[in-house]
Amino acid sequence: MHEWALAEGVILAIDRMAEEERLEQVIEANVKIGELQQVDHEILKFALRELRTSKMEKAKFILETTPAVLKCRICDKKWKFNSKDLGEEKTEAIHFLPEIAHVYVKCPKCGSPDFEIVEGRGVWLESIKGRKKDD
């Protein structure tokens, strides 16, 4: 369940950002999740609620998936990743190690496995909203 480890990192990032912005309370946190991470949103939300600090006790966690976009290094074709074409076993392998996508995915134009992942990797804190200490 890597969602719990991700939640710990997000909570730390929220605390750090709240401190930098001098927020007393965090009202909302927007988290972006790359499609290739294949994070279970419900588990991550649950983990975030369980791990949150008192500073974010009433915070709403908004999770948004960023679609994976791939670009062929041979012919420059860009396309969106579609896990439905791969099957459960291959999709699960990519879930744990996104770099393995090169083994299973080929450029739809030229068939090359040599592509870069332009978007759709990682988990990051996009923004937070809150009440300042001075308000």
Foldseek 3Di string as FASTA:
>chain_A
DCLLVVLVVAQVVVVVVCVVVQFQAWAEWEKEAFVLLVDDVVVNQVSNQVPHDPRYVNHDYHYYYDWWWKAAPPPRDIDTDDCVVQDDVVSVVSNVPVVCVLVPDADPPPRHSHIDTPTRHDMDTPDIDHHHPVD
